[in-house]
Amino acid sequence: MTREQTETAWTTGNRAGDGYDPNDEHGGDAIDDCDELVAALVADGWTLVHRADSTDEIAVLEAGGRVIGIGGDGAGRGPWAVVLDDGTDGREVAGG
């Protein structure tokens, strides 16, 4: 997936109600900053595929074939994630 495709899939999935608190992926305390949460997920074994270079972009991470996008929740409450590929059959799940 290109950066544009991941951004579109994240937005579409989020609008469809497919988003969730990505702190659930990380067993630690709730982290309210996207960059800090991405760093914690990388420390937990996720691979950073695309870094968010601005607050208008999402970070894309992969672990075991599962791909998630993490961005701001749009309401100022911190990071929000959407599964872009669930890793079970190679098909995209958000926005697809």
PDB file of N, CA and C in Angstrom:
ATOM      1  N   MET A   1       0.841  -1.180   0.000  1.00  0.00           N
ATOM      2  CA  MET A   1       0.000   0.000   0.000  1.00  0.00           C
ATOM      3  C   MET A   1       0.888   1.245   0.000  1.00  0.00           C
ATOM      4  N   THR A   2       0.514   2.209  -0.795  1.00  0.00           N
ATOM      5  CA  THR A   2       1.244   3.471  -0.814  1.00  0.00           C
ATOM      6  C   THR A   2       0.815   4.322   0.375  1.00  0.00           C
ATOM      7  N   ARG A   3       1.551   5.376   0.629  1.00  0.00           N
ATOM      8  CA  ARG A   3       1.195   6.308   1.708  1.00  0.00           C
ATOM      9  C   ARG A   3      -0.227   6.834   1.485  1.00  0.00           C
ATOM     10  N   GLU A   4      -0.540   7.228   0.259  1.00  0.00           N
ATOM     11  CA  GLU A   4      -1.875   7.761  -0.032  1.00  0.00           C
ATOM     12  C   GLU A   4      -2.952   6.703   0.221  1.00  0.00           C
ATOM     13  N   GLN A   5      -2.699   5.463  -0.164  1.00  0.00           N
ATOM     14  CA  GLN A   5      -3.668   4.387   0.063  1.00  0.00           C
ATOM     15  C   GLN A   5      -3.881   4.134   1.551  1.00  0.00           C
ATOM     16  N   THR A   6      -2.800   4.183   2.334  1.00  0.00           N
ATOM     17  CA  THR A   6      -2.960   3.961   3.774  1.00  0.00           C
ATOM     18  C   THR A   6      -3.730   5.108   4.424  1.00  0.00           C
ATOM     19  N   GLU A   7      -3.460   6.337   3.997  1.00  0.00           N
ATOM     20  CA  GLU A   7      -4.190   7.485   4.537  1.00  0.00           C
ATOM     21  C   GLU A   7      -5.679   7.365   4.220  1.00  0.00           C
ATOM     22  N   THR A   8      -5.999   6.999   2.980  1.00  0.00           N
ATOM     23  CA  THR A   8      -7.392   6.851   2.563  1.00  0.00           C
ATOM     24  C   THR A   8      -8.062   5.715   3.323  1.00  0.00           C
ATOM     25  N   ALA A   9      -7.378   4.582   3.453  1.00  0.00           N
ATOM     26  CA  ALA A   9      -7.942   3.432   4.165  1.00  0.00           C
ATOM     27  C   ALA A   9      -8.177   3.765   5.633  1.00  0.00           C
ATOM     28  N   TRP A  10      -7.231   4.484   6.254  1.00  0.00           N
ATOM     29  CA  TRP A  10      -7.380   4.858   7.664  1.00  0.00           C
ATOM     30  C   TRP A  10      -8.590   5.775   7.839  1.00  0.00           C
ATOM     31  N   THR A  11      -8.701   6.787   6.986  1.00  0.00           N
ATOM     32  CA  THR A  11      -9.817   7.730   7.083  1.00  0.00           C
ATOM     33  C   THR A  11     -11.148   7.027   6.854  1.00  0.00           C
ATOM     34  N   THR A  12     -11.210   6.182   5.829  1.00  0.00           N
ATOM     35  CA  THR A  12     -12.442   5.461   5.513  1.00  0.00           C
ATOM     36  C   THR A  12     -12.832   4.521   6.651  1.00  0.00           C
ATOM     37  N   GLY A  13     -11.868   3.772   7.157  1.00  0.00           N
ATOM     38  CA  GLY A  13     -12.144   2.861   8.268  1.00  0.00           C
ATOM     39  C   GLY A  13     -12.564   3.591   9.521  1.00  0.00           C
ATOM     40  N   ASN A  14     -11.912   4.709   9.797  1.00  0.00           N
ATOM     41  CA  ASN A  14     -12.251   5.498  10.974  1.00  0.00           C
ATOM     42  C   ASN A  14     -13.664   6.037  10.863  1.00  0.00           C
ATOM     43  N   ARG A  15     -14.027   6.558   9.712  1.00  0.00           N
ATOM     44  CA  ARG A  15     -15.379   7.098   9.512  1.00  0.00           C
ATOM     45  C   ARG A  15     -16.440   6.010   9.573  1.00  0.00           C
ATOM     46  N   ALA A  16     -16.055   4.780   9.225  1.00  0.00           N
ATOM     47  CA  ALA A  16     -16.986   3.651   9.265  1.00  0.00           C
ATOM     48  C   ALA A  16     -17.123   3.069  10.673  1.00  0.00           C
ATOM     49  N   GLY A  17     -16.391   3.638  11.628  1.00  0.00           N
ATOM     50  CA  GLY A  17     -16.468   3.158  12.996  1.00  0.00           C
ATOM     51  C   GLY A  17     -15.533   2.008  13.303  1.00  0.00           C
ATOM     52  N   ASP A  18     -14.526   1.796  12.446  1.00  0.00           N
ATOM     53  CA  ASP A  18     -13.591   0.684  12.624  1.00  0.00           C
ATOM     54  C   ASP A  18     -12.377   1.044  13.466  1.00  0.00           C
ATOM     55  N   GLY A  19     -12.302   2.257  13.971  1.00  0.00           N
ATOM     56  CA  GLY A  19     -11.146   2.671  14.747  1.00  0.00           C
ATOM     57  C   GLY A  19     -11.205   2.173  16.180  1.00  0.00           C
ATOM     58  N   TYR A  20     -10.043   2.154  16.822  1.00  0.00           N
ATOM     59  CA  TYR A  20      -9.966   1.733  18.219  1.00  0.00           C
ATOM     60  C   TYR A  20      -8.773   2.406  18.890  1.00  0.00           C
ATOM     61  N   ASP A  21      -8.740   2.329  20.202  1.00  0.00           N
ATOM     62  CA  ASP A  21      -7.640   2.891  20.973  1.00  0.00           C
ATOM     63  C   ASP A  21      -6.427   1.978  20.825  1.00  0.00           C
ATOM     64  N   PRO A  22      -5.344   2.429  20.182  1.00  0.00           N
ATOM     65  CA  PRO A  22      -4.186   1.565  19.957  1.00  0.00           C
ATOM     66  C   PRO A  22      -3.417   1.239  21.224  1.00  0.00           C
ATOM     67  N   ASN A  23      -3.747   1.888  22.330  1.00  0.00           N
ATOM     68  CA  ASN A  23      -3.128   1.518  23.595  1.00  0.00           C
ATOM     69  C   ASN A  23      -3.466   0.070  23.942  1.00  0.00           C
ATOM     70  N   ASP A  24      -4.558  -0.456  23.362  1.00  0.00           N
ATOM     71  CA  ASP A  24      -4.921  -1.854  23.585  1.00  0.00           C
ATOM     72  C   ASP A  24      -3.856  -2.800  23.044  1.00  0.00           C
ATOM     73  N   GLU A  25      -3.083  -2.354  22.021  1.00  0.00           N
ATOM     74  CA  GLU A  25      -2.014  -3.164  21.432  1.00  0.00           C
ATOM     75  C   GLU A  25      -0.775  -3.176  22.329  1.00  0.00           C
ATOM     76  N   HIS A  26      -0.720  -2.216  23.220  1.00  0.00           N
ATOM     77  CA  HIS A  26       0.445  -2.041  24.088  1.00  0.00           C
ATOM     78  C   HIS A  26      -0.023  -2.221  25.523  1.00  0.00           C
ATOM     79  N   GLY A  27       0.527  -3.174  26.219  1.00  0.00           N
ATOM     80  CA  GLY A  27       0.049  -3.514  27.547  1.00  0.00           C
ATOM     81  C   GLY A  27       0.370  -2.516  28.640  1.00  0.00           C
ATOM     82  N   GLY A  28       1.043  -1.450  28.308  1.00  0.00           N
ATOM     83  CA  GLY A  28       1.442  -0.472  29.319  1.00  0.00           C
ATOM     84  C   GLY A  28       0.353   0.532  29.630  1.00  0.00           C
ATOM     85  N   ASP A  29       0.749   1.588  30.300  1.00  0.00           N
ATOM     86  CA  ASP A  29      -0.187   2.666  30.621  1.00  0.00           C
ATOM     87  C   ASP A  29      -0.635   3.358  29.347  1.00  0.00           C
ATOM     88  N   ALA A  30      -1.811   3.979  29.403  1.00  0.00           N
ATOM     89  CA  ALA A  30      -2.331   4.717  28.252  1.00  0.00           C
ATOM     90  C   ALA A  30      -1.358   5.832  27.869  1.00  0.00           C
ATOM     91  N   ILE A  31      -1.038   5.906  26.596  1.00  0.00           N
ATOM     92  CA  ILE A  31      -0.116   6.925  26.076  1.00  0.00           C
ATOM     93  C   ILE A  31      -0.930   7.864  25.194  1.00  0.00           C
ATOM     94  N   ASP A  32      -0.873   9.158  25.485  1.00  0.00           N
ATOM     95  CA  ASP A  32      -1.706  10.131  24.786  1.00  0.00           C
ATOM     96  C   ASP A  32      -1.045  10.786  23.588  1.00  0.00           C
ATOM     97  N   ASP A  33       0.211  10.484  23.314  1.00  0.00           N
ATOM     98  CA  ASP A  33       0.951  11.099  22.217  1.00  0.00           C
ATOM     99  C   ASP A  33       1.221  10.040  21.143  1.00  0.00           C
ATOM    100  N   CYS A  34       0.881  10.341  19.893  1.00  0.00           N
ATOM    101  CA  CYS A  34       1.049   9.373  18.794  1.00  0.00           C
ATOM    102  C   CYS A  34       2.494   8.909  18.651  1.00  0.00           C
ATOM    103  N   ASP A  35       3.446   9.836  18.661  1.00  0.00           N
ATOM    104  CA  ASP A  35       4.852   9.466  18.484  1.00  0.00           C
ATOM    105  C   ASP A  35       5.342   8.563  19.616  1.00  0.00           C
ATOM    106  N   GLU A  36       4.931   8.872  20.855  1.00  0.00           N
ATOM    107  CA  GLU A  36       5.337   8.043  21.986  1.00  0.00           C
ATOM    108  C   GLU A  36       4.726   6.652  21.898  1.00  0.00           C
ATOM    109  N   LEU A  37       3.465   6.572  21.459  1.00  0.00           N
ATOM    110  CA  LEU A  37       2.818   5.265  21.332  1.00  0.00           C
ATOM    111  C   LEU A  37       3.479   4.442  20.233  1.00  0.00           C
ATOM    112  N   VAL A  38       3.803   5.073  19.120  1.00  0.00           N
ATOM    113  CA  VAL A  38       4.488   4.362  18.037  1.00  0.00           C
ATOM    114  C   VAL A  38       5.819   3.812  18.548  1.00  0.00           C
ATOM    115  N   ALA A  39       6.563   4.613  19.294  1.00  0.00           N
ATOM    116  CA  ALA A  39       7.841   4.152  19.851  1.00  0.00           C
ATOM    117  C   ALA A  39       7.629   2.962  20.791  1.00  0.00           C
ATOM    118  N   ALA A  40       6.577   2.996  21.583  1.00  0.00           N
ATOM    119  CA  ALA A  40       6.285   1.884  22.499  1.00  0.00           C
ATOM    120  C   ALA A  40       5.918   0.620  21.724  1.00  0.00           C
ATOM    121  N   LEU A  41       5.148   0.763  20.649  1.00  0.00           N
ATOM    122  CA  LEU A  41       4.778  -0.399  19.840  1.00  0.00           C
ATOM    123  C   LEU A  41       5.997  -0.992  19.139  1.00  0.00           C
ATOM    124  N   VAL A  42       6.888  -0.132  18.653  1.00  0.00           N
ATOM    125  CA  VAL A  42       8.127  -0.612  18.035  1.00  0.00           C
ATOM    126  C   VAL A  42       8.954  -1.374  19.074  1.00  0.00           C
ATOM    127  N   ALA A  43       9.018  -0.851  20.282  1.00  0.00           N
ATOM    128  CA  ALA A  43       9.743  -1.547  21.349  1.00  0.00           C
ATOM    129  C   ALA A  43       9.102  -2.888  21.683  1.00  0.00           C
ATOM    130  N   ASP A  44       7.787  -3.005  21.437  1.00  0.00           N
ATOM    131  CA  ASP A  44       7.066  -4.256  21.673  1.00  0.00           C
ATOM    132  C   ASP A  44       7.167  -5.229  20.505  1.00  0.00           C
ATOM    133  N   GLY A  45       7.884  -4.843  19.432  1.00  0.00           N
ATOM    134  CA  GLY A  45       8.087  -5.759  18.318  1.00  0.00           C
ATOM    135  C   GLY A  45       7.408  -5.398  17.010  1.00  0.00           C
ATOM    136  N   TRP A  46       6.631  -4.321  16.997  1.00  0.00           N
ATOM    137  CA  TRP A  46       6.029  -3.867  15.744  1.00  0.00           C
ATOM    138  C   TRP A  46       7.116  -3.216  14.884  1.00  0.00           C
ATOM    139  N   THR A  47       6.946  -3.263  13.564  1.00  0.00           N
ATOM    140  CA  THR A  47       7.870  -2.623  12.630  1.00  0.00           C
ATOM    141  C   THR A  47       7.216  -1.363  12.081  1.00  0.00           C
ATOM    142  N   LEU A  48       7.935  -0.253  12.148  1.00  0.00           N
ATOM    143  CA  LEU A  48       7.432   0.999  11.589  1.00  0.00           C
ATOM    144  C   LEU A  48       7.634   0.972  10.082  1.00  0.00           C
ATOM    145  N   VAL A  49       6.524   1.024   9.338  1.00  0.00           N
ATOM    146  CA  VAL A  49       6.561   0.975   7.878  1.00  0.00           C
ATOM    147  C   VAL A  49       6.593   2.386   7.297  1.00  0.00           C
ATOM    148  N   HIS A  50       5.722   3.257   7.800  1.00  0.00           N
ATOM    149  CA  HIS A  50       5.671   4.670   7.395  1.00  0.00           C
ATOM    150  C   HIS A  50       5.594   5.507   8.661  1.00  0.00           C
ATOM    151  N   ARG A  51       6.462   6.486   8.758  1.00  0.00           N
ATOM    152  CA  ARG A  51       6.450   7.415   9.884  1.00  0.00           C
ATOM    153  C   ARG A  51       5.512   8.561   9.546  1.00  0.00           C
ATOM    154  N   ALA A  52       4.800   9.075  10.543  1.00  0.00           N
ATOM    155  CA  ALA A  52       3.971  10.263  10.357  1.00  0.00           C
ATOM    156  C   ALA A  52       4.885  11.481  10.456  1.00  0.00           C
ATOM    157  N   ASP A  53       5.013  12.221   9.371  1.00  0.00           N
ATOM    158  CA  ASP A  53       5.885  13.389   9.350  1.00  0.00           C
ATOM    159  C   ASP A  53       5.183  14.657   9.816  1.00  0.00           C
ATOM    160  N   SER A  54       3.862  14.583   9.963  1.00  0.00           N
ATOM    161  CA  SER A  54       3.099  15.729  10.455  1.00  0.00           C
ATOM    162  C   SER A  54       1.839  15.195  11.123  1.00  0.00           C
ATOM    163  N   THR A  55       1.103  16.073  11.782  1.00  0.00           N
ATOM    164  CA  THR A  55      -0.128  15.649  12.446  1.00  0.00           C
ATOM    165  C   THR A  55      -1.231  15.307  11.448  1.00  0.00           C
ATOM    166  N   ASP A  56      -1.040  15.656  10.169  1.00  0.00           N
ATOM    167  CA  ASP A  56      -2.015  15.322   9.143  1.00  0.00           C
ATOM    168  C   ASP A  56      -1.788  13.928   8.552  1.00  0.00           C
ATOM    169  N   GLU A  57      -0.719  13.256   8.969  1.00  0.00           N
ATOM    170  CA  GLU A  57      -0.391  11.936   8.433  1.00  0.00           C
ATOM    171  C   GLU A  57      -0.570  10.880   9.512  1.00  0.00           C
ATOM    172  N   ILE A  58      -0.578   9.626   9.074  1.00  0.00           N
ATOM    173  CA  ILE A  58      -0.649   8.521  10.012  1.00  0.00           C
ATOM    174  C   ILE A  58       0.663   7.751   9.990  1.00  0.00           C
ATOM    175  N   ALA A  59       0.944   7.095  11.093  1.00  0.00           N
ATOM    176  CA  ALA A  59       2.061   6.155  11.144  1.00  0.00           C
ATOM    177  C   ALA A  59       1.500   4.787  10.792  1.00  0.00           C
ATOM    178  N   VAL A  60       2.266   3.996  10.044  1.00  0.00           N
ATOM    179  CA  VAL A  60       1.834   2.656   9.661  1.00  0.00           C
ATOM    180  C   VAL A  60       2.816   1.660  10.260  1.00  0.00           C
ATOM    181  N   LEU A  61       2.269   0.678  10.975  1.00  0.00           N
ATOM    182  CA  LEU A  61       3.088  -0.336  11.633  1.00  0.00           C
ATOM    183  C   LEU A  61       2.617  -1.720  11.222  1.00  0.00           C
ATOM    184  N   GLU A  62       3.554  -2.698  11.281  1.00  0.00           N
ATOM    185  CA  GLU A  62       3.243  -4.074  10.894  1.00  0.00           C
ATOM    186  C   GLU A  62       3.826  -5.025  11.931  1.00  0.00           C
ATOM    187  N   ALA A  63       3.074  -6.070  12.209  1.00  0.00           N
ATOM    188  CA  ALA A  63       3.557  -7.156  13.070  1.00  0.00           C
ATOM    189  C   ALA A  63       2.837  -8.434  12.658  1.00  0.00           C
ATOM    190  N   GLY A  64       3.603  -9.437  12.285  1.00  0.00           N
ATOM    191  CA  GLY A  64       3.017 -10.723  11.933  1.00  0.00           C
ATOM    192  C   GLY A  64       2.022 -10.668  10.791  1.00  0.00           C
ATOM    193  N   GLY A  65       2.237  -9.754   9.854  1.00  0.00           N
ATOM    194  CA  GLY A  65       1.328  -9.606   8.724  1.00  0.00           C
ATOM    195  C   GLY A  65       0.170  -8.670   8.990  1.00  0.00           C
ATOM    196  N   ARG A  66      -0.032  -8.281  10.229  1.00  0.00           N
ATOM    197  CA  ARG A  66      -1.097  -7.348  10.584  1.00  0.00           C
ATOM    198  C   ARG A  66      -0.564  -5.938  10.431  1.00  0.00           C
ATOM    199  N   VAL A  67      -1.321  -5.078   9.756  1.00  0.00           N
ATOM    200  CA  VAL A  67      -0.896  -3.705   9.505  1.00  0.00           C
ATOM    201  C   VAL A  67      -1.934  -2.759  10.116  1.00  0.00           C
ATOM    202  N   ILE A  68      -1.440  -1.803  10.917  1.00  0.00           N
ATOM    203  CA  ILE A  68      -2.326  -0.807  11.501  1.00  0.00           C
ATOM    204  C   ILE A  68      -1.826   0.586  11.150  1.00  0.00           C
ATOM    205  N   GLY A  69      -2.747   1.514  11.085  1.00  0.00           N
ATOM    206  CA  GLY A  69      -2.429   2.922  10.919  1.00  0.00           C
ATOM    207  C   GLY A  69      -2.782   3.639  12.207  1.00  0.00           C
ATOM    208  N   ILE A  70      -1.904   4.519  12.664  1.00  0.00           N
ATOM    209  CA  ILE A  70      -2.154   5.277  13.891  1.00  0.00           C
ATOM    210  C   ILE A  70      -2.059   6.762  13.580  1.00  0.00           C
ATOM    211  N   GLY A  71      -3.094   7.473  13.954  1.00  0.00           N
ATOM    212  CA  GLY A  71      -3.128   8.916  13.780  1.00  0.00           C
ATOM    213  C   GLY A  71      -3.896   9.544  14.924  1.00  0.00           C
ATOM    214  N   GLY A  72      -4.042  10.854  14.882  1.00  0.00           N
ATOM    215  CA  GLY A  72      -4.823  11.546  15.899  1.00  0.00           C
ATOM    216  C   GLY A  72      -6.292  11.212  15.742  1.00  0.00           C
ATOM    217  N   ASP A  73      -7.030  11.234  16.844  1.00  0.00           N
ATOM    218  CA  ASP A  73      -8.437  10.855  16.795  1.00  0.00           C
ATOM    219  C   ASP A  73      -9.334  11.956  16.248  1.00  0.00           C
ATOM    220  N   GLY A  74      -8.768  13.109  15.957  1.00  0.00           N
ATOM    221  CA  GLY A  74      -9.547  14.209  15.393  1.00  0.00           C
ATOM    222  C   GLY A  74     -10.307  15.009  16.438  1.00  0.00           C
ATOM    223  N   ALA A  75     -10.293  14.535  17.676  1.00  0.00           N
ATOM    224  CA  ALA A  75     -11.001  15.237  18.742  1.00  0.00           C
ATOM    225  C   ALA A  75     -10.044  15.667  19.843  1.00  0.00           C
ATOM    226  N   GLY A  76      -8.746  15.556  19.585  1.00  0.00           N
ATOM    227  CA  GLY A  76      -7.753  15.983  20.552  1.00  0.00           C
ATOM    228  C   GLY A  76      -7.584  15.065  21.748  1.00  0.00           C
ATOM    229  N   ARG A  77      -8.059  13.812  21.622  1.00  0.00           N
ATOM    230  CA  ARG A  77      -7.962  12.891  22.745  1.00  0.00           C
ATOM    231  C   ARG A  77      -6.827  11.889  22.593  1.00  0.00           C
ATOM    232  N   GLY A  78      -5.965  12.064  21.595  1.00  0.00           N
ATOM    233  CA  GLY A  78      -4.813  11.181  21.474  1.00  0.00           C
ATOM    234  C   GLY A  78      -4.866  10.251  20.286  1.00  0.00           C
ATOM    235  N   PRO A  79      -4.006   9.217  20.304  1.00  0.00           N
ATOM    236  CA  PRO A  79      -3.872   8.318  19.160  1.00  0.00           C
ATOM    237  C   PRO A  79      -5.132   7.495  18.911  1.00  0.00           C
ATOM    238  N   TRP A  80      -5.347   7.181  17.632  1.00  0.00           N
ATOM    239  CA  TRP A  80      -6.475   6.357  17.214  1.00  0.00           C
ATOM    240  C   TRP A  80      -5.973   5.440  16.105  1.00  0.00           C
ATOM    241  N   ALA A  81      -6.354   4.183  16.122  1.00  0.00           N
ATOM    242  CA  ALA A  81      -5.845   3.204  15.157  1.00  0.00           C
ATOM    243  C   ALA A  81      -6.964   2.599  14.323  1.00  0.00           C
ATOM    244  N   VAL A  82      -6.589   2.162  13.133  1.00  0.00           N
ATOM    245  CA  VAL A  82      -7.466   1.413  12.246  1.00  0.00           C
ATOM    246  C   VAL A  82      -6.634   0.278  11.668  1.00  0.00           C
ATOM    247  N   VAL A  83      -7.189  -0.935  11.674  1.00  0.00           N
ATOM    248  CA  VAL A  83      -6.513  -2.078  11.061  1.00  0.00           C
ATOM    249  C   VAL A  83      -6.608  -1.912   9.547  1.00  0.00           C
ATOM    250  N   LEU A  84      -5.464  -1.843   8.877  1.00  0.00           N
ATOM    251  CA  LEU A  84      -5.427  -1.683   7.426  1.00  0.00           C
ATOM    252  C   LEU A  84      -5.361  -3.031   6.726  1.00  0.00           C
ATOM    253  N   ASP A  85      -4.783  -4.021   7.379  1.00  0.00           N
ATOM    254  CA  ASP A  85      -4.710  -5.388   6.849  1.00  0.00           C
ATOM    255  C   ASP A  85      -4.641  -6.305   8.061  1.00  0.00           C
ATOM    256  N   ASP A  86      -5.565  -7.267   8.142  1.00  0.00           N
ATOM    257  CA  ASP A  86      -5.602  -8.110   9.337  1.00  0.00           C
ATOM    258  C   ASP A  86      -4.597  -9.254   9.301  1.00  0.00           C
ATOM    259  N   GLY A  87      -3.892  -9.416   8.183  1.00  0.00           N
ATOM    260  CA  GLY A  87      -2.828 -10.396   8.104  1.00  0.00           C
ATOM    261  C   GLY A  87      -3.279 -11.823   7.916  1.00  0.00           C
ATOM    262  N   THR A  88      -4.581 -12.056   7.790  1.00  0.00           N
ATOM    263  CA  THR A  88      -5.045 -13.438   7.668  1.00  0.00           C
ATOM    264  C   THR A  88      -5.058 -13.943   6.238  1.00  0.00           C
ATOM    265  N   ASP A  89      -5.332 -13.065   5.288  1.00  0.00           N
ATOM    266  CA  ASP A  89      -5.394 -13.520   3.906  1.00  0.00           C
ATOM    267  C   ASP A  89      -4.816 -12.527   2.919  1.00  0.00           C
ATOM    268  N   GLY A  90      -4.142 -11.499   3.439  1.00  0.00           N
ATOM    269  CA  GLY A  90      -3.508 -10.520   2.575  1.00  0.00           C
ATOM    270  C   GLY A  90      -4.441  -9.459   2.026  1.00  0.00           C
ATOM    271  N   ARG A  91      -5.727  -9.551   2.353  1.00  0.00           N
ATOM    272  CA  ARG A  91      -6.662  -8.532   1.868  1.00  0.00           C
ATOM    273  C   ARG A  91      -6.730  -7.366   2.832  1.00  0.00           C
ATOM    274  N   GLU A  92      -6.858  -6.194   2.270  1.00  0.00           N
ATOM    275  CA  GLU A  92      -7.037  -5.011   3.099  1.00  0.00           C
ATOM    276  C   GLU A  92      -8.414  -5.073   3.734  1.00  0.00           C
ATOM    277  N   VAL A  93      -8.536  -4.581   4.971  1.00  0.00           N
ATOM    278  CA  VAL A  93      -9.832  -4.612   5.630  1.00  0.00           C
ATOM    279  C   VAL A  93     -10.449  -3.233   5.780  1.00  0.00           C
ATOM    280  N   ALA A  94      -9.663  -2.211   5.952  1.00  0.00           N
ATOM    281  CA  ALA A  94     -10.199  -0.864   6.107  1.00  0.00           C
ATOM    282  C   ALA A  94     -10.273  -0.193   4.740  1.00  0.00           C
ATOM    283  N   GLY A  95     -11.393   0.394   4.477  1.00  0.00           N
ATOM    284  CA  GLY A  95     -11.555   1.135   3.247  1.00  0.00           C
ATOM    285  C   GLY A  95     -11.550   0.265   2.000  1.00  0.00           C
ATOM    286  N   GLY A  96     -11.588  -1.016   2.150  1.00  0.00           N
ATOM    287  CA  GLY A  96     -11.512  -1.915   1.009  1.00  0.00           C
ATOM    288  C   GLY A  96     -12.693  -2.702   0.808  1.00  0.00           C
TER     289      GLY A  96
END
